[in-house]
Amino acid sequence: MNWSSASEFFAMGGYGFYVWGSFGMTALVMLGELIALRLRRQALLRAVREGQDEPSPTHFSEAPHEA
């Protein structure tokens, strides 16, 4: 497509909300994954330093799971 202005580019022929919303959500999810990965790594390193084999599975969840 050929856009004559920046506003036409961002409007994407009427699909701009969907297109840019999709890009935004993808970036947000990827950022969340990076943060979660860093937190899991820190917990694992902390557990190894303290002599545990690995952190308990409930360590990563907000609330303990009931069996």
PDB file of N, CA and C in Angstrom:
ATOM      1  N   MET A   1       0.841  -1.181   0.000  1.00  0.00           N
ATOM      2  CA  MET A   1       0.000   0.000   0.000  1.00  0.00           C
ATOM      3  C   MET A   1       0.884   1.241   0.000  1.00  0.00           C
ATOM      4  N   ASN A   2       0.321   2.313  -0.464  1.00  0.00           N
ATOM      5  CA  ASN A   2       1.049   3.570  -0.541  1.00  0.00           C
ATOM      6  C   ASN A   2       0.272   4.622   0.246  1.00  0.00           C
ATOM      7  N   TRP A   3       0.860   5.108   1.319  1.00  0.00           N
ATOM      8  CA  TRP A   3       0.196   6.104   2.156  1.00  0.00           C
ATOM      9  C   TRP A   3       0.801   7.468   1.874  1.00  0.00           C
ATOM     10  N   SER A   4      -0.063   8.481   1.876  1.00  0.00           N
ATOM     11  CA  SER A   4       0.418   9.829   1.582  1.00  0.00           C
ATOM     12  C   SER A   4       0.736  10.623   2.841  1.00  0.00           C
ATOM     13  N   SER A   5       0.387  10.087   4.017  1.00  0.00           N
ATOM     14  CA  SER A   5       0.697  10.794   5.262  1.00  0.00           C
ATOM     15  C   SER A   5       0.881   9.785   6.392  1.00  0.00           C
ATOM     16  N   ALA A   6       1.478  10.259   7.470  1.00  0.00           N
ATOM     17  CA  ALA A   6       1.700   9.391   8.631  1.00  0.00           C
ATOM     18  C   ALA A   6       0.374   8.976   9.260  1.00  0.00           C
ATOM     19  N   SER A   7      -0.611   9.868   9.266  1.00  0.00           N
ATOM     20  CA  SER A   7      -1.902   9.518   9.867  1.00  0.00           C
ATOM     21  C   SER A   7      -2.595   8.413   9.075  1.00  0.00           C
ATOM     22  N   GLU A   8      -2.458   8.416   7.754  1.00  0.00           N
ATOM     23  CA  GLU A   8      -3.014   7.327   6.945  1.00  0.00           C
ATOM     24  C   GLU A   8      -2.282   6.021   7.231  1.00  0.00           C
ATOM     25  N   PHE A   9      -0.972   6.108   7.430  1.00  0.00           N
ATOM     26  CA  PHE A   9      -0.198   4.909   7.764  1.00  0.00           C
ATOM     27  C   PHE A   9      -0.685   4.309   9.077  1.00  0.00           C
ATOM     28  N   PHE A  10      -0.849   5.140  10.110  1.00  0.00           N
ATOM     29  CA  PHE A  10      -1.278   4.631  11.406  1.00  0.00           C
ATOM     30  C   PHE A  10      -2.740   4.191  11.404  1.00  0.00           C
ATOM     31  N   ALA A  11      -3.562   4.758  10.528  1.00  0.00           N
ATOM     32  CA  ALA A  11      -4.966   4.345  10.421  1.00  0.00           C
ATOM     33  C   ALA A  11      -5.083   3.000   9.708  1.00  0.00           C
ATOM     34  N   MET A  12      -4.096   2.656   8.888  1.00  0.00           N
ATOM     35  CA  MET A  12      -4.044   1.380   8.170  1.00  0.00           C
ATOM     36  C   MET A  12      -5.342   1.075   7.415  1.00  0.00           C
ATOM     37  N   GLY A  13      -5.880   2.064   6.770  1.00  0.00           N
ATOM     38  CA  GLY A  13      -7.085   1.841   5.974  1.00  0.00           C
ATOM     39  C   GLY A  13      -8.287   1.438   6.812  1.00  0.00           C
ATOM     40  N   GLY A  14      -8.347   1.901   8.048  1.00  0.00           N
ATOM     41  CA  GLY A  14      -9.465   1.574   8.928  1.00  0.00           C
ATOM     42  C   GLY A  14      -9.181   0.410   9.867  1.00  0.00           C
ATOM     43  N   TYR A  15      -8.070  -0.268   9.679  1.00  0.00           N
ATOM     44  CA  TYR A  15      -7.719  -1.415  10.516  1.00  0.00           C
ATOM     45  C   TYR A  15      -6.622  -1.084  11.524  1.00  0.00           C
ATOM     46  N   GLY A  16      -6.315   0.177  11.681  1.00  0.00           N
ATOM     47  CA  GLY A  16      -5.221   0.597  12.560  1.00  0.00           C
ATOM     48  C   GLY A  16      -5.382   0.149  13.998  1.00  0.00           C
ATOM     49  N   PHE A  17      -6.598   0.240  14.536  1.00  0.00           N
ATOM     50  CA  PHE A  17      -6.819  -0.162  15.926  1.00  0.00           C
ATOM     51  C   PHE A  17      -6.469  -1.635  16.116  1.00  0.00           C
ATOM     52  N   TYR A  18      -6.913  -2.482  15.190  1.00  0.00           N
ATOM     53  CA  TYR A  18      -6.618  -3.911  15.274  1.00  0.00           C
ATOM     54  C   TYR A  18      -5.122  -4.172  15.088  1.00  0.00           C
ATOM     55  N   VAL A  19      -4.531  -3.561  14.076  1.00  0.00           N
ATOM     56  CA  VAL A  19      -3.114  -3.803  13.765  1.00  0.00           C
ATOM     57  C   VAL A  19      -2.221  -3.335  14.908  1.00  0.00           C
ATOM     58  N   TRP A  20      -2.380  -2.080  15.336  1.00  0.00           N
ATOM     59  CA  TRP A  20      -1.505  -1.542  16.375  1.00  0.00           C
ATOM     60  C   TRP A  20      -1.834  -2.131  17.737  1.00  0.00           C
ATOM     61  N   GLY A  21      -3.093  -2.479  17.960  1.00  0.00           N
ATOM     62  CA  GLY A  21      -3.451  -3.172  19.198  1.00  0.00           C
ATOM     63  C   GLY A  21      -2.792  -4.542  19.276  1.00  0.00           C
ATOM     64  N   SER A  22      -2.747  -5.237  18.141  1.00  0.00           N
ATOM     65  CA  SER A  22      -2.092  -6.549  18.086  1.00  0.00           C
ATOM     66  C   SER A  22      -0.598  -6.429  18.346  1.00  0.00           C
ATOM     67  N   PHE A  23       0.032  -5.442  17.727  1.00  0.00           N
ATOM     68  CA  PHE A  23       1.454  -5.212  17.982  1.00  0.00           C
ATOM     69  C   PHE A  23       1.691  -4.886  19.455  1.00  0.00           C
ATOM     70  N   GLY A  24       0.849  -4.043  20.018  1.00  0.00           N
ATOM     71  CA  GLY A  24       0.995  -3.652  21.423  1.00  0.00           C
ATOM     72  C   GLY A  24       0.832  -4.826  22.370  1.00  0.00           C
ATOM     73  N   MET A  25      -0.188  -5.648  22.140  1.00  0.00           N
ATOM     74  CA  MET A  25      -0.413  -6.805  23.008  1.00  0.00           C
ATOM     75  C   MET A  25       0.733  -7.807  22.886  1.00  0.00           C
ATOM     76  N   THR A  26       1.229  -8.012  21.674  1.00  0.00           N
ATOM     77  CA  THR A  26       2.357  -8.922  21.479  1.00  0.00           C
ATOM     78  C   THR A  26       3.585  -8.422  22.230  1.00  0.00           C
ATOM     79  N   ALA A  27       3.861  -7.133  22.134  1.00  0.00           N
ATOM     80  CA  ALA A  27       5.005  -6.559  22.853  1.00  0.00           C
ATOM     81  C   ALA A  27       4.818  -6.689  24.358  1.00  0.00           C
ATOM     82  N   LEU A  28       3.596  -6.477  24.838  1.00  0.00           N
ATOM     83  CA  LEU A  28       3.309  -6.588  26.267  1.00  0.00           C
ATOM     84  C   LEU A  28       3.510  -8.019  26.766  1.00  0.00           C
ATOM     85  N   VAL A  29       3.029  -8.993  26.009  1.00  0.00           N
ATOM     86  CA  VAL A  29       3.190 -10.398  26.392  1.00  0.00           C
ATOM     87  C   VAL A  29       4.663 -10.792  26.372  1.00  0.00           C
ATOM     88  N   MET A  30       5.400 -10.349  25.366  1.00  0.00           N
ATOM     89  CA  MET A  30       6.828 -10.675  25.302  1.00  0.00           C
ATOM     90  C   MET A  30       7.589 -10.051  26.464  1.00  0.00           C
ATOM     91  N   LEU A  31       7.248  -8.831  26.831  1.00  0.00           N
ATOM     92  CA  LEU A  31       7.868  -8.183  27.980  1.00  0.00           C
ATOM     93  C   LEU A  31       7.536  -8.948  29.261  1.00  0.00           C
ATOM     94  N   GLY A  32       6.288  -9.372  29.395  1.00  0.00           N
ATOM     95  CA  GLY A  32       5.889 -10.170  30.557  1.00  0.00           C
ATOM     96  C   GLY A  32       6.662 -11.475  30.642  1.00  0.00           C
ATOM     97  N   GLU A  33       6.881 -12.114  29.503  1.00  0.00           N
ATOM     98  CA  GLU A  33       7.656 -13.355  29.485  1.00  0.00           C
ATOM     99  C   GLU A  33       9.099 -13.113  29.922  1.00  0.00           C
ATOM    100  N   LEU A  34       9.690 -12.019  29.480  1.00  0.00           N
ATOM    101  CA  LEU A  34      11.060 -11.699  29.889  1.00  0.00           C
ATOM    102  C   LEU A  34      11.144 -11.449  31.393  1.00  0.00           C
ATOM    103  N   ILE A  35      10.176 -10.747  31.931  1.00  0.00           N
ATOM    104  CA  ILE A  35      10.156 -10.476  33.371  1.00  0.00           C
ATOM    105  C   ILE A  35       9.966 -11.773  34.146  1.00  0.00           C
ATOM    106  N   ALA A  36       9.033 -12.619  33.705  1.00  0.00           N
ATOM    107  CA  ALA A  36       8.794 -13.895  34.384  1.00  0.00           C
ATOM    108  C   ALA A  36      10.034 -14.787  34.320  1.00  0.00           C
ATOM    109  N   LEU A  37      10.705 -14.804  33.189  1.00  0.00           N
ATOM    110  CA  LEU A  37      11.925 -15.602  33.040  1.00  0.00           C
ATOM    111  C   LEU A  37      13.000 -15.128  34.004  1.00  0.00           C
ATOM    112  N   ARG A  38      13.175 -13.826  34.104  1.00  0.00           N
ATOM    113  CA  ARG A  38      14.178 -13.272  35.019  1.00  0.00           C
ATOM    114  C   ARG A  38      13.841 -13.635  36.472  1.00  0.00           C
ATOM    115  N   LEU A  39      12.568 -13.552  36.851  1.00  0.00           N
ATOM    116  CA  LEU A  39      12.166 -13.890  38.219  1.00  0.00           C
ATOM    117  C   LEU A  39      12.380 -15.374  38.517  1.00  0.00           C
ATOM    118  N   ARG A  40      12.044 -16.245  37.556  1.00  0.00           N
ATOM    119  CA  ARG A  40      12.267 -17.684  37.755  1.00  0.00           C
ATOM    120  C   ARG A  40      13.755 -17.989  37.877  1.00  0.00           C
ATOM    121  N   ARG A  41      14.575 -17.334  37.064  1.00  0.00           N
ATOM    122  CA  ARG A  41      16.024 -17.552  37.126  1.00  0.00           C
ATOM    123  C   ARG A  41      16.581 -17.116  38.474  1.00  0.00           C
ATOM    124  N   GLN A  42      16.159 -15.953  38.956  1.00  0.00           N
ATOM    125  CA  GLN A  42      16.629 -15.471  40.252  1.00  0.00           C
ATOM    126  C   GLN A  42      16.215 -16.421  41.369  1.00  0.00           C
ATOM    127  N   ALA A  43      14.985 -16.941  41.309  1.00  0.00           N
ATOM    128  CA  ALA A  43      14.518 -17.874  42.333  1.00  0.00           C
ATOM    129  C   ALA A  43      15.327 -19.168  42.296  1.00  0.00           C
ATOM    130  N   LEU A  44      15.624 -19.651  41.102  1.00  0.00           N
ATOM    131  CA  LEU A  44      16.408 -20.875  40.977  1.00  0.00           C
ATOM    132  C   LEU A  44      17.826 -20.671  41.500  1.00  0.00           C
ATOM    133  N   LEU A  45      18.455 -19.557  41.147  1.00  0.00           N
ATOM    134  CA  LEU A  45      19.804 -19.282  41.643  1.00  0.00           C
ATOM    135  C   LEU A  45      19.813 -19.128  43.159  1.00  0.00           C
ATOM    136  N   ARG A  46      18.780 -18.484  43.699  1.00  0.00           N
ATOM    137  CA  ARG A  46      18.675 -18.323  45.149  1.00  0.00           C
ATOM    138  C   ARG A  46      18.520 -19.691  45.824  1.00  0.00           C
ATOM    139  N   ALA A  47      17.716 -20.566  45.231  1.00  0.00           N
ATOM    140  CA  ALA A  47      17.509 -21.896  45.793  1.00  0.00           C
ATOM    141  C   ALA A  47      18.796 -22.711  45.756  1.00  0.00           C
ATOM    142  N   VAL A  48      19.543 -22.609  44.674  1.00  0.00           N
ATOM    143  CA  VAL A  48      20.808 -23.339  44.564  1.00  0.00           C
ATOM    144  C   VAL A  48      21.803 -22.818  45.595  1.00  0.00           C
ATOM    145  N   ARG A  49      21.847 -21.498  45.761  1.00  0.00           N
ATOM    146  CA  ARG A  49      22.742 -20.904  46.753  1.00  0.00           C
ATOM    147  C   ARG A  49      22.403 -21.369  48.166  1.00  0.00           C
ATOM    148  N   GLU A  50      21.124 -21.552  48.447  1.00  0.00           N
ATOM    149  CA  GLU A  50      20.692 -21.964  49.781  1.00  0.00           C
ATOM    150  C   GLU A  50      20.781 -23.471  49.979  1.00  0.00           C
ATOM    151  N   GLY A  51      21.192 -24.207  48.963  1.00  0.00           N
ATOM    152  CA  GLY A  51      21.397 -25.637  49.098  1.00  0.00           C
ATOM    153  C   GLY A  51      20.198 -26.479  48.728  1.00  0.00           C
ATOM    154  N   GLN A  52      19.148 -25.889  48.254  1.00  0.00           N
ATOM    155  CA  GLN A  52      17.992 -26.660  47.815  1.00  0.00           C
ATOM    156  C   GLN A  52      18.271 -27.174  46.412  1.00  0.00           C
ATOM    157  N   ASP A  53      17.605 -28.276  46.059  1.00  0.00           N
ATOM    158  CA  ASP A  53      17.758 -28.777  44.700  1.00  0.00           C
ATOM    159  C   ASP A  53      17.099 -27.829  43.710  1.00  0.00           C
ATOM    160  N   GLU A  54      15.887 -27.434  44.014  1.00  0.00           N
ATOM    161  CA  GLU A  54      15.153 -26.488  43.187  1.00  0.00           C
ATOM    162  C   GLU A  54      14.028 -25.899  44.020  1.00  0.00           C
ATOM    163  N   PRO A  55      13.534 -24.740  43.646  1.00  0.00           N
ATOM    164  CA  PRO A  55      12.446 -24.145  44.425  1.00  0.00           C
ATOM    165  C   PRO A  55      11.179 -24.978  44.306  1.00  0.00           C
ATOM    166  N   SER A  56      10.346 -24.908  45.309  1.00  0.00           N
ATOM    167  CA  SER A  56       9.097 -25.662  45.277  1.00  0.00           C
ATOM    168  C   SER A  56       8.184 -25.093  44.200  1.00  0.00           C
ATOM    169  N   PRO A  57       7.323 -25.925  43.620  1.00  0.00           N
ATOM    170  CA  PRO A  57       6.432 -25.440  42.563  1.00  0.00           C
ATOM    171  C   PRO A  57       5.516 -24.319  43.027  1.00  0.00           C
ATOM    172  N   THR A  58       5.151 -24.309  44.298  1.00  0.00           N
ATOM    173  CA  THR A  58       4.257 -23.262  44.790  1.00  0.00           C
ATOM    174  C   THR A  58       4.981 -21.941  44.941  1.00  0.00           C
ATOM    175  N   HIS A  59       6.301 -21.957  44.875  1.00  0.00           N
ATOM    176  CA  HIS A  59       7.069 -20.721  44.998  1.00  0.00           C
ATOM    177  C   HIS A  59       6.723 -19.737  43.883  1.00  0.00           C
ATOM    178  N   PHE A  60       6.398 -20.266  42.700  1.00  0.00           N
ATOM    179  CA  PHE A  60       6.143 -19.410  41.553  1.00  0.00           C
ATOM    180  C   PHE A  60       4.703 -18.943  41.466  1.00  0.00           C
ATOM    181  N   SER A  61       3.799 -19.634  42.125  1.00  0.00           N
ATOM    182  CA  SER A  61       2.397 -19.229  42.039  1.00  0.00           C
ATOM    183  C   SER A  61       2.067 -18.255  43.150  1.00  0.00           C
ATOM    184  N   GLU A  62       1.036 -17.463  42.924  1.00  0.00           N
ATOM    185  CA  GLU A  62       0.640 -16.477  43.918  1.00  0.00           C
ATOM    186  C   GLU A  62      -0.042 -17.145  45.104  1.00  0.00           C
ATOM    187  N   ALA A  63      -0.819 -18.160  44.838  1.00  0.00           N
ATOM    188  CA  ALA A  63      -1.517 -18.872  45.903  1.00  0.00           C
ATOM    189  C   ALA A  63      -1.177 -20.351  45.788  1.00  0.00           C
ATOM    190  N   PRO A  64      -1.006 -21.029  46.911  1.00  0.00           N
ATOM    191  CA  PRO A  64      -0.697 -22.459  46.839  1.00  0.00           C
ATOM    192  C   PRO A  64      -1.859 -23.240  46.233  1.00  0.00           C
ATOM    193  N   HIS A  65      -1.509 -24.265  45.480  1.00  0.00           N
ATOM    194  CA  HIS A  65      -2.528 -25.120  44.878  1.00  0.00           C
ATOM    195  C   HIS A  65      -2.995 -26.133  45.904  1.00  0.00           C
ATOM    196  N   GLU A  66      -4.282 -26.373  45.922  1.00  0.00           N
ATOM    197  CA  GLU A  66      -4.818 -27.372  46.841  1.00  0.00           C
ATOM    198  C   GLU A  66      -5.065 -28.654  46.075  1.00  0.00           C
ATOM    199  N   ALA A  67      -4.669 -29.764  46.658  1.00  0.00           N
ATOM    200  CA  ALA A  67      -4.843 -31.051  45.985  1.00  0.00           C
ATOM    201  C   ALA A  67      -6.106 -31.725  46.444  1.00  0.00           C
TER     202      ALA A  67
END
